[in-house]
């Protein structure tokens, strides 16, 4: 997709400096905006702002490895939520906490979650902060606010624990589209979309590894087969190349749908004959 790289870079710099950033997702997903700040840069003032303008359900995205280290078990054994958001059991910071609901105490909790010296014993369960486990690979593997928060932390070279909550209107309805843009402009907050983060990462990073190649004979003549993989997908992907395509010009490409009957047995009409 087309995107303004300078604007995305500006949002990353603002996030790195501790500012709250507004992140929107796709129209065909939740179509809403979240306030996101890094946990290490969260303050009681920022937490109060987040609580005031959102649903008040404050979540803390983190990596699966981090959640495991803190012994944060899934909230439910079987997650059948529409977008499979990976909630863990909620927590409060154990030390110097009364109810855990105040902006100051919720800030203590999220900052403790981001502290590498914190351990599982430093938190009580349940609590008022809801950790979320991000999918490995970030927005490239799941286009959610959870992954967007972790990607922003990593792009800003900050500990990978964020603070997020969904923007709400005063009447309790969810902010969408122009309402989110107007809010960001009013409060002078940078705004980016998950789709823009995906495009930014795709252009800035390379996660495809070529495993090998081999010459093969096909019905169409000699070709070269190349195998590839990504860090987060166990499946290997195969590219069959005919001729010399190194100039990259006018190269027709066909995506072949996997078929066991066709690929393994070369029997395209076998199923039809069996019916």
Protein backbone atom coordinates (compact mmCIF):
# COMPACT_ATOMS: atom_id res chain seq x y z
CA UNK A 1 0.00 0.00 0.00
CA UNK A 2 1.01 3.63 -0.47
CA UNK A 3 2.08 5.31 2.75
CA UNK A 4 4.02 8.31 4.01
CA UNK A 5 7.28 6.87 5.33
CA UNK A 6 8.33 10.18 6.89
CA UNK A 7 5.07 10.34 8.85
CA UNK A 8 5.50 6.79 10.15
CA UNK A 9 9.10 7.54 11.14
CA UNK A 10 7.89 10.68 12.93
CA UNK A 11 5.35 8.62 14.89
CA UNK A 12 8.06 6.12 15.85
CA UNK A 13 10.30 8.93 17.09
CA UNK A 14 7.41 10.38 19.12
CA UNK A 15 6.72 6.94 20.59
CA UNK A 16 10.40 6.55 21.44
CA UNK A 17 10.26 9.89 23.27
CA UNK A 18 7.38 8.63 25.41
CA UNK A 19 4.43 10.20 23.62
CA UNK A 20 1.05 8.51 23.24
CA UNK A 21 0.31 7.45 19.66
CA UNK A 22 -3.10 6.71 18.12
CA UNK A 23 -3.21 3.47 16.12
CA UNK A 24 -6.17 2.49 13.95
CA UNK A 25 -6.92 -0.88 12.43
CA UNK A 26 -8.69 -1.93 9.24
CA UNK A 27 -12.28 -1.08 8.36
CA UNK A 28 -13.05 -4.80 7.95
CA UNK A 29 -11.64 -5.64 11.38
CA UNK A 30 -12.60 -3.69 14.53
CA UNK A 31 -12.37 -0.32 12.74
CA UNK A 32 -11.38 1.54 15.89
CA UNK A 33 -8.48 3.46 17.37
CA UNK A 34 -6.32 2.68 20.37
CA UNK A 35 -4.18 4.94 22.50
CA UNK A 36 -0.75 3.30 22.76
CA UNK A 37 2.29 4.22 24.83
CA UNK A 38 5.33 2.21 25.86
CA UNK A 39 5.08 0.81 29.38
CA UNK A 40 8.51 2.16 30.34
CA UNK A 41 7.42 5.68 29.43
CA UNK A 42 3.97 5.49 31.00
CA UNK A 43 3.28 7.99 33.80
CA UNK A 44 0.31 8.53 36.09
CA UNK A 45 -0.62 11.57 33.98
CA UNK A 46 -0.56 9.56 30.75
CA UNK A 47 -2.46 6.71 32.37
CA UNK A 48 -5.14 9.14 33.58
CA UNK A 49 -5.44 10.54 30.05
CA UNK A 50 -5.80 7.02 28.65
CA UNK A 51 -8.44 6.04 31.21
CA UNK A 52 -10.38 9.28 30.68
CA UNK A 53 -10.71 8.90 26.92
CA UNK A 54 -11.08 5.14 26.52
CA UNK A 55 -13.12 2.21 27.76
CA UNK A 56 -10.94 2.15 30.87
CA UNK A 57 -9.90 -1.43 30.16
CA UNK A 58 -6.13 -0.99 30.07
CA UNK A 59 -4.12 -3.78 28.48
CA UNK A 60 -0.39 -4.47 28.37
CA UNK A 61 0.79 -6.24 25.20
CA UNK A 62 3.98 -8.27 25.51
CA UNK A 63 5.81 -11.13 23.84
CA UNK A 64 4.98 -14.76 24.57
CA UNK A 65 8.45 -15.23 26.05
CA UNK A 66 7.93 -12.35 28.47
CA UNK A 67 4.49 -13.62 29.52
CA UNK A 68 5.93 -17.07 30.14
CA UNK A 69 8.73 -15.64 32.28
CA UNK A 70 6.15 -13.84 34.44
CA UNK A 71 3.97 -16.96 34.63
CA UNK A 72 1.00 -15.17 33.05
CA UNK A 73 -1.42 -17.95 32.16
CA UNK A 74 -4.12 -17.51 29.49
CA UNK A 75 -7.37 -16.05 30.80
CA UNK A 76 -9.32 -19.00 29.36
CA UNK A 77 -8.33 -22.50 28.29
CA UNK A 78 -10.04 -22.14 24.90
CA UNK A 79 -10.03 -18.72 23.24
CA UNK A 80 -13.03 -18.40 20.92
CA UNK A 81 -13.17 -14.59 20.78
CA UNK A 82 -13.77 -13.16 17.26
CA UNK A 83 -10.16 -11.99 16.83
CA UNK A 84 -8.60 -14.43 19.33
CA UNK A 85 -7.04 -11.62 21.37
CA UNK A 86 -4.69 -13.46 23.71
CA UNK A 87 -5.65 -12.16 27.15
CA UNK A 88 -3.82 -13.56 30.15
CA UNK A 89 -5.05 -13.44 33.72
CA UNK A 90 -5.19 -9.81 34.91
CA UNK A 91 -2.59 -8.53 37.37
CA UNK A 92 -1.69 -5.80 39.86
CA UNK A 93 1.77 -4.93 41.11
CA UNK A 94 2.15 -6.55 44.52
CA UNK A 95 4.21 -3.87 46.27
CA UNK A 96 2.77 -0.63 47.69
CA UNK A 97 -0.57 -1.28 46.01
CA UNK A 98 -3.95 -0.74 47.69
CA UNK A 99 -6.85 -1.41 45.29
CA UNK A 100 -4.77 -1.24 42.10
CA UNK A 101 -7.42 0.79 40.26
CA UNK A 102 -5.92 4.29 40.45
CA UNK A 103 -3.95 5.76 37.56
CA UNK A 104 -0.85 5.83 39.72
CA UNK A 105 -1.14 2.18 40.76
CA UNK A 106 -1.98 0.99 37.27
CA UNK A 107 1.12 2.86 36.10
CA UNK A 108 3.17 1.04 38.72
CA UNK A 109 1.83 -2.25 37.38
CA UNK A 110 2.62 -1.64 33.71
CA UNK A 111 6.07 -0.27 34.50
CA UNK A 112 6.76 -3.34 36.65
CA UNK A 113 5.63 -5.58 33.79
CA UNK A 114 8.28 -3.92 31.62
CA UNK A 115 10.98 -4.13 34.27
CA UNK A 116 13.37 -7.01 33.46
CA UNK A 117 14.07 -7.38 37.19
CA UNK A 118 10.41 -8.14 37.97
CA UNK A 119 9.34 -11.74 38.45
CA UNK A 120 6.09 -13.66 38.71
CA UNK A 121 6.01 -13.19 42.50
CA UNK A 122 5.88 -9.40 42.07
CA UNK A 123 2.29 -9.54 40.81
CA UNK A 124 -1.04 -10.53 42.32
CA UNK A 125 -3.80 -12.15 40.29
CA UNK A 126 -6.44 -11.04 39.36
CA UNK A 127 -5.87 -7.31 39.01
CA UNK A 128 -6.66 -4.21 36.99
CA UNK A 129 -4.16 -4.52 34.11
CA UNK A 130 -4.80 -7.07 31.37
CA UNK A 131 -1.64 -8.45 29.74
CA UNK A 132 -1.98 -9.51 26.10
CA UNK A 133 0.33 -11.95 24.32
CA UNK A 134 1.39 -10.72 20.88
CA UNK A 135 1.82 -13.08 17.95
CA UNK A 136 5.43 -13.71 17.02
CA UNK A 137 6.21 -11.71 13.91
CA UNK A 138 4.05 -8.78 14.97
CA UNK A 139 1.70 -7.09 12.50
CA UNK A 140 3.16 -9.17 9.67
CA UNK A 141 1.48 -12.21 11.21
CA UNK A 142 -1.58 -10.65 12.90
CA UNK A 143 -2.95 -7.19 12.12
CA UNK A 144 -4.01 -6.31 15.67
CA UNK A 145 -3.36 -3.46 18.10
CA UNK A 146 -1.58 -5.95 20.36
CA UNK A 147 1.05 -6.62 17.72
CA UNK A 148 1.17 -2.96 16.68
CA UNK A 149 2.13 -1.98 20.23
CA UNK A 150 4.96 -4.50 20.35
CA UNK A 151 6.21 -3.49 16.90
CA UNK A 152 6.24 0.18 17.92
CA UNK A 153 8.27 -0.72 21.01
CA UNK A 154 10.77 -2.69 18.95
CA UNK A 155 11.01 -0.05 16.21
CA UNK A 156 11.69 2.53 18.94
CA UNK A 157 14.29 0.28 20.64
CA UNK A 158 12.24 0.11 23.84
CA UNK A 159 11.39 -2.88 26.08
CA UNK A 160 8.62 -4.80 24.32
CA UNK A 161 5.75 -4.08 26.72
CA UNK A 162 3.08 -1.58 25.74
CA UNK A 163 -0.02 0.05 27.18
CA UNK A 164 -3.18 0.17 25.06
CA UNK A 165 -6.86 0.98 25.40
CA UNK A 166 -9.70 1.60 22.93
CA UNK A 167 -10.90 5.15 22.29
CA UNK A 168 -14.52 5.86 23.25
CA UNK A 169 -16.93 8.75 22.73
CA UNK A 170 -18.53 10.51 25.69
CA UNK A 171 -21.77 8.59 25.08
CA UNK A 172 -19.96 5.28 25.46
CA UNK A 173 -19.84 4.39 21.77
CA UNK A 174 -16.62 3.36 20.07
CA UNK A 175 -14.70 6.08 18.20
CA UNK A 176 -14.30 5.30 14.54
CA UNK A 177 -12.83 6.82 11.38
CA UNK A 178 -13.18 10.63 11.34
CA UNK A 179 -13.86 10.71 15.10
CA UNK A 180 -10.47 9.12 15.78
CA UNK A 181 -8.72 11.52 13.39
CA UNK A 182 -10.42 14.52 15.01
CA UNK A 183 -9.39 13.31 18.48
CA UNK A 184 -5.76 12.86 17.42
CA UNK A 185 -5.71 16.33 15.87
CA UNK A 186 -7.34 17.95 18.91
CA UNK A 187 -4.79 16.46 21.31
CA UNK A 188 -1.85 16.77 18.88
CA UNK A 189 -1.16 13.04 18.84
CA UNK A 190 0.51 11.19 15.98
CA UNK A 191 -1.78 8.76 14.22
CA UNK A 192 -0.82 5.68 12.21
CA UNK A 193 -2.68 2.61 11.01
CA UNK A 194 -1.82 -1.05 11.38
CA UNK A 195 -1.76 -1.29 7.58
CA UNK A 196 0.86 1.48 7.45
CA UNK A 197 2.99 -0.33 10.03
CA UNK A 198 2.76 -3.49 7.93
CA UNK A 199 3.85 -1.59 4.81
CA UNK A 200 6.66 0.14 6.71
CA UNK A 201 8.04 -3.13 8.07
CA UNK A 202 7.74 -4.86 4.71
CA UNK A 203 9.87 -2.15 3.10
CA UNK A 204 12.38 -1.82 5.93
CA UNK A 205 12.92 -5.48 6.81
CA UNK A 206 13.61 -8.76 5.07
CA UNK A 207 12.40 -11.96 6.73
CA UNK A 208 12.57 -14.35 3.78
CA UNK A 209 15.45 -16.85 3.75
CA UNK A 210 16.35 -18.93 0.73
CA UNK A 211 17.12 -22.47 1.81
CA UNK A 212 18.37 -23.92 -1.43
CA UNK A 213 17.80 -24.60 -5.11
CA UNK A 214 17.80 -27.53 -7.51
CA UNK A 215 17.48 -28.10 -11.24
CA UNK A 216 14.34 -30.01 -12.17
CA UNK A 217 12.69 -31.33 -15.32
CA UNK A 218 9.05 -30.45 -15.91
CA UNK A 219 6.52 -31.01 -18.67
CA UNK A 220 7.26 -27.45 -19.77
CA UNK A 221 11.01 -28.05 -19.88
CA UNK A 222 13.98 -27.53 -17.54
CA UNK A 223 13.48 -25.22 -14.56
CA UNK A 224 15.03 -24.30 -11.22
CA UNK A 225 13.20 -24.86 -7.93
CA UNK A 226 13.96 -22.52 -5.03
CA UNK A 227 12.77 -23.10 -1.45
CA UNK A 228 12.14 -20.29 1.03
CA UNK A 229 11.04 -19.88 4.62
CA UNK A 230 10.09 -17.14 7.09
CA UNK A 231 10.91 -17.13 10.84
CA UNK A 232 7.29 -17.55 11.93
CA UNK A 233 5.90 -20.04 9.42
CA UNK A 234 6.97 -23.71 9.60
CA UNK A 235 5.93 -24.27 5.99
CA UNK A 236 8.56 -24.01 3.26
CA UNK A 237 7.53 -22.19 0.09
CA UNK A 238 8.57 -23.30 -3.37
CA UNK A 239 9.25 -21.14 -6.42
CA UNK A 240 9.71 -22.84 -9.79
CA UNK A 241 11.56 -20.55 -12.19
CA UNK A 242 11.83 -20.94 -15.96
CA UNK A 243 14.63 -19.11 -17.75
CA UNK A 244 16.76 -16.18 -16.64
CA UNK A 245 14.72 -13.60 -14.71
CA UNK A 246 17.58 -11.69 -13.10
CA UNK A 247 16.70 -8.42 -14.82
CA UNK A 248 13.32 -8.54 -13.06
CA UNK A 249 11.45 -7.18 -16.09
CA UNK A 250 8.21 -8.55 -17.53
CA UNK A 251 8.21 -11.66 -15.35
CA UNK A 252 4.81 -13.41 -15.39
CA UNK A 253 3.98 -15.00 -12.03
CA UNK A 254 1.41 -17.65 -11.20
CA UNK A 255 0.38 -18.62 -7.66
CA UNK A 256 -0.32 -22.35 -7.63
CA UNK A 257 -2.90 -23.65 -5.16
CA UNK A 258 -1.62 -26.70 -3.30
CA UNK A 259 -3.30 -29.98 -4.28
CA UNK A 260 -2.16 -33.36 -2.96
CA UNK A 261 -3.73 -35.24 -5.87
CA UNK A 262 -2.16 -33.01 -8.50
CA UNK A 263 1.19 -32.38 -6.84
CA UNK A 264 1.91 -35.84 -5.43
CA UNK A 265 0.17 -38.07 -7.97
CA UNK A 266 -0.14 -35.90 -11.07
CA UNK A 267 -3.77 -36.94 -11.29
CA UNK A 268 -5.74 -33.77 -11.94
CA UNK A 269 -8.86 -35.71 -12.91
CA UNK A 270 -8.47 -38.59 -10.44
CA UNK A 271 -11.06 -37.23 -8.03
CA UNK A 272 -13.54 -36.60 -10.81
CA UNK A 273 -13.17 -40.19 -12.06
CA UNK A 274 -13.72 -41.54 -8.56
CA UNK A 275 -17.02 -39.69 -8.09
